[in-house]
Amino acid sequence: MAVICKKCGLPDDLCACGELDKEDARIVIRLETRRWSKTTTLIEGINPKLSDMQKIVKDLKSSFACGGTAKDGFIMLQGDHRDDVKGYLVKKGFSEEAIEVQ
């Protein structure tokens, strides 16, 4: 028996709710200077309930060879990776117009 999506009522293989939520998300990528002049890339706006934040952080850390974490709906990466993160998120299905780089 097919699993039914609770949001749209369609069978799970036809459901596009996750893709629509990715297109509606407004993501802000900014650079922040921490203690001792350390730069940190902050990513906010990714819904942790709809996306697997830990998997995204793990992929970003291994792709850019840096440290990082996910806390309170934010993703923090050590270093300046603003342009690289935007390309990664576009490749993962997020809308390029919804991503703002500061």
C-alpha atoms as a PDB file:
ATOM      1  CA  MET A   1       0.000   0.000   0.000  1.00  0.00           C
ATOM      2  CA  ALA A   2       1.307   3.442  -0.918  1.00  0.00           C
ATOM      3  CA  VAL A   3       2.243   5.963   1.736  1.00  0.00           C
ATOM      4  CA  ILE A   4       0.106   9.120   1.549  1.00  0.00           C
ATOM      5  CA  CYS A   5       1.602  12.587   2.142  1.00  0.00           C
ATOM      6  CA  LYS A   6      -0.142  14.335   5.037  1.00  0.00           C
ATOM      7  CA  LYS A   7       0.417  17.769   3.521  1.00  0.00           C
ATOM      8  CA  CYS A   8      -0.914  17.378  -0.032  1.00  0.00           C
ATOM      9  CA  GLY A   9      -2.758  14.033   0.096  1.00  0.00           C
ATOM     10  CA  LEU A  10      -0.924  12.524  -2.879  1.00  0.00           C
ATOM     11  CA  PRO A  11       0.952   9.219  -2.837  1.00  0.00           C
ATOM     12  CA  ASP A  12       4.521   9.578  -1.634  1.00  0.00           C
ATOM     13  CA  ASP A  13       6.056   8.843  -5.051  1.00  0.00           C
ATOM     14  CA  LEU A  14       4.027  11.697  -6.645  1.00  0.00           C
ATOM     15  CA  CYS A  15       4.424  14.179  -3.776  1.00  0.00           C
ATOM     16  CA  ALA A  16       6.422  17.326  -4.527  1.00  0.00           C
ATOM     17  CA  CYS A  17       6.021  19.103  -1.179  1.00  0.00           C
ATOM     18  CA  GLY A  18       9.729  18.872  -0.349  1.00  0.00           C
ATOM     19  CA  GLU A  19      10.762  20.423  -3.646  1.00  0.00           C
ATOM     20  CA  LEU A  20       8.199  23.219  -3.269  1.00  0.00           C
ATOM     21  CA  ASP A  21       9.461  23.981   0.226  1.00  0.00           C
ATOM     22  CA  LYS A  22      13.008  24.239  -1.124  1.00  0.00           C
ATOM     23  CA  GLU A  23      11.847  26.782  -3.703  1.00  0.00           C
ATOM     24  CA  ASP A  24       9.983  28.856  -1.093  1.00  0.00           C
ATOM     25  CA  ALA A  25      12.882  29.019   1.393  1.00  0.00           C
ATOM     26  CA  ARG A  26      14.690  32.345   1.743  1.00  0.00           C
ATOM     27  CA  ILE A  27      18.305  31.594   2.582  1.00  0.00           C
ATOM     28  CA  VAL A  28      20.839  34.169   3.755  1.00  0.00           C
ATOM     29  CA  ILE A  29      24.565  33.421   3.579  1.00  0.00           C
ATOM     30  CA  ARG A  30      26.753  35.918   5.400  1.00  0.00           C
ATOM     31  CA  LEU A  31      30.272  36.286   6.703  1.00  0.00           C
ATOM     32  CA  GLU A  32      30.808  36.976  10.378  1.00  0.00           C
ATOM     33  CA  THR A  33      34.034  37.760  12.189  1.00  0.00           C
ATOM     34  CA  ARG A  34      34.375  35.907  15.476  1.00  0.00           C
ATOM     35  CA  ARG A  35      36.933  36.204  18.232  1.00  0.00           C
ATOM     36  CA  TRP A  36      40.568  36.694  17.280  1.00  0.00           C
ATOM     37  CA  SER A  37      39.625  37.741  13.712  1.00  0.00           C
ATOM     38  CA  LYS A  38      38.361  34.278  12.744  1.00  0.00           C
ATOM     39  CA  THR A  39      35.896  34.365   9.842  1.00  0.00           C
ATOM     40  CA  THR A  40      32.797  32.202   9.888  1.00  0.00           C
ATOM     41  CA  THR A  41      30.253  31.615   7.131  1.00  0.00           C
ATOM     42  CA  LEU A  42      26.700  31.583   8.530  1.00  0.00           C
ATOM     43  CA  ILE A  43      23.828  30.019   6.605  1.00  0.00           C
ATOM     44  CA  GLU A  44      20.313  30.689   7.846  1.00  0.00           C
ATOM     45  CA  GLY A  45      16.868  30.026   6.459  1.00  0.00           C
ATOM     46  CA  ILE A  46      17.050  26.277   5.842  1.00  0.00           C
ATOM     47  CA  ASN A  47      14.140  24.648   7.643  1.00  0.00           C
ATOM     48  CA  PRO A  48      15.576  21.909   9.904  1.00  0.00           C
ATOM     49  CA  LYS A  49      12.252  20.041   9.928  1.00  0.00           C
ATOM     50  CA  LEU A  50      12.167  19.665   6.141  1.00  0.00           C
ATOM     51  CA  SER A  51      15.884  19.209   5.451  1.00  0.00           C
ATOM     52  CA  ASP A  52      18.440  16.943   7.049  1.00  0.00           C
ATOM     53  CA  MET A  53      20.703  19.654   8.470  1.00  0.00           C
ATOM     54  CA  GLN A  54      23.317  17.217   9.769  1.00  0.00           C
ATOM     55  CA  LYS A  55      23.714  15.652   6.316  1.00  0.00           C
ATOM     56  CA  ILE A  56      24.026  19.084   4.691  1.00  0.00           C
ATOM     57  CA  VAL A  57      26.681  20.133   7.231  1.00  0.00           C
ATOM     58  CA  LYS A  58      28.588  16.889   6.747  1.00  0.00           C
ATOM     59  CA  ASP A  59      28.581  17.340   2.954  1.00  0.00           C
ATOM     60  CA  LEU A  60      29.649  20.994   3.216  1.00  0.00           C
ATOM     61  CA  LYS A  61      32.471  20.219   5.636  1.00  0.00           C
ATOM     62  CA  SER A  62      33.873  17.435   3.481  1.00  0.00           C
ATOM     63  CA  SER A  63      33.481  19.442   0.236  1.00  0.00           C
ATOM     64  CA  PHE A  64      35.227  22.567   1.525  1.00  0.00           C
ATOM     65  CA  ALA A  65      37.688  20.884   3.953  1.00  0.00           C
ATOM     66  CA  CYS A  66      36.648  22.967   6.931  1.00  0.00           C
ATOM     67  CA  GLY A  67      35.048  22.623  10.331  1.00  0.00           C
ATOM     68  CA  GLY A  68      31.467  23.483  11.051  1.00  0.00           C
ATOM     69  CA  THR A  69      28.277  22.763  12.942  1.00  0.00           C
ATOM     70  CA  ALA A  70      24.499  23.163  12.868  1.00  0.00           C
ATOM     71  CA  LYS A  71      22.869  24.908  15.821  1.00  0.00           C
ATOM     72  CA  ASP A  72      19.470  26.548  16.325  1.00  0.00           C
ATOM     73  CA  GLY A  73      18.586  26.540  12.623  1.00  0.00           C
ATOM     74  CA  PHE A  74      21.963  28.013  11.586  1.00  0.00           C
ATOM     75  CA  ILE A  75      24.839  26.330   9.811  1.00  0.00           C
ATOM     76  CA  MET A  76      28.269  27.647  10.741  1.00  0.00           C
ATOM     77  CA  LEU A  77      31.346  26.897   8.637  1.00  0.00           C
ATOM     78  CA  GLN A  78      34.874  27.973   9.497  1.00  0.00           C
ATOM     79  CA  GLY A  79      36.306  30.299   6.874  1.00  0.00           C
ATOM     80  CA  ASP A  80      34.869  32.304   3.966  1.00  0.00           C
ATOM     81  CA  HIS A  81      32.863  29.935   1.738  1.00  0.00           C
ATOM     82  CA  ARG A  82      29.987  32.204   0.677  1.00  0.00           C
ATOM     83  CA  ASP A  83      30.135  31.674  -3.093  1.00  0.00           C
ATOM     84  CA  ASP A  84      30.905  27.968  -2.796  1.00  0.00           C
ATOM     85  CA  VAL A  85      27.932  27.411  -0.457  1.00  0.00           C
ATOM     86  CA  LYS A  86      25.577  29.175  -2.867  1.00  0.00           C
ATOM     87  CA  GLY A  87      26.675  26.873  -5.693  1.00  0.00           C
ATOM     88  CA  TYR A  88      26.252  23.823  -3.468  1.00  0.00           C
ATOM     89  CA  LEU A  89      22.707  24.822  -2.413  1.00  0.00           C
ATOM     90  CA  VAL A  90      21.667  25.521  -6.012  1.00  0.00           C
ATOM     91  CA  LYS A  91      22.977  22.090  -6.981  1.00  0.00           C
ATOM     92  CA  LYS A  92      20.920  20.542  -4.142  1.00  0.00           C
ATOM     93  CA  GLY A  93      17.689  22.031  -5.537  1.00  0.00           C
ATOM     94  CA  PHE A  94      17.270  25.358  -3.754  1.00  0.00           C
ATOM     95  CA  SER A  95      16.201  28.313  -5.895  1.00  0.00           C
ATOM     96  CA  GLU A  96      19.055  30.641  -6.875  1.00  0.00           C
ATOM     97  CA  GLU A  97      16.811  33.710  -6.552  1.00  0.00           C
ATOM     98  CA  ALA A  98      15.956  32.794  -2.955  1.00  0.00           C
ATOM     99  CA  ILE A  99      19.608  32.685  -1.869  1.00  0.00           C
ATOM    100  CA  GLU A 100      21.055  36.000  -0.743  1.00  0.00           C
ATOM    101  CA  VAL A 101      24.808  36.360  -0.242  1.00  0.00           C
ATOM    102  CA  GLN A 102      25.908  39.226   2.003  1.00  0.00           C
END
